């Protein structure tokens, strides 16, 4: 039986986790932006009171 592809365990792990890592990073960035927007809005409301 011929070997189709030779890769190290590190390469296989990186390939397997690339998409979940991208999704997690993207969601974390949007969560940070949402938090920044909420803090800005909260500060604006408190400064007008």
Protein backbone atom coordinates (compact mmCIF):
# COMPACT_ATOMS: atom_id res chain seq x y z
CA UNK A 1 0.00 0.00 0.00
CA UNK A 2 1.61 3.30 -1.09
CA UNK A 3 1.89 6.24 1.28
CA UNK A 4 -0.24 9.14 0.06
CA UNK A 5 1.32 11.93 2.03
CA UNK A 6 4.07 12.21 4.59
CA UNK A 7 3.69 14.88 7.26
CA UNK A 8 4.88 15.45 10.77
CA UNK A 9 2.49 15.34 13.70
CA UNK A 10 2.98 19.08 14.13
CA UNK A 11 1.86 19.69 10.52
CA UNK A 12 -1.17 17.43 10.93
CA UNK A 13 -2.16 19.15 14.16
CA UNK A 14 -1.73 22.61 12.63
CA UNK A 15 -3.85 21.65 9.63
CA UNK A 16 -6.57 20.16 11.84
CA UNK A 17 -6.81 23.13 14.20
CA UNK A 18 -6.39 25.95 11.68
CA UNK A 19 -10.10 26.58 11.04
CA UNK A 20 -11.25 26.44 14.69
CA UNK A 21 -8.35 28.72 15.64
CA UNK A 22 -9.40 31.22 12.95
CA UNK A 23 -13.04 31.17 14.07
CA UNK A 24 -12.06 31.59 17.72
CA UNK A 25 -9.74 34.49 16.93
CA UNK A 26 -12.37 36.21 14.79
CA UNK A 27 -15.03 35.85 17.48
CA UNK A 28 -12.62 37.14 20.14
CA UNK A 29 -11.87 40.23 18.05
CA UNK A 30 -15.58 40.96 17.55
CA UNK A 31 -16.23 40.37 21.26
CA UNK A 32 -13.50 42.86 22.12
CA UNK A 33 -14.99 45.43 19.75
CA UNK A 34 -18.45 44.87 21.24
CA UNK A 35 -17.05 45.35 24.74
CA UNK A 36 -15.30 48.55 23.67
CA UNK A 37 -18.52 49.85 22.13
CA UNK A 38 -20.51 48.98 25.26
CA UNK A 39 -17.98 50.71 27.52
CA UNK A 40 -18.05 53.80 25.30
CA UNK A 41 -21.85 53.89 25.37
CA UNK A 42 -21.93 53.39 29.13
CA UNK A 43 -19.46 56.23 29.61
CA UNK A 44 -21.52 58.48 27.31
CA UNK A 45 -24.71 57.79 29.28
CA UNK A 46 -23.01 58.41 32.62
CA UNK A 47 -21.38 61.63 31.45
CA UNK A 48 -24.76 63.05 30.38
CA UNK A 49 -26.42 62.25 33.71
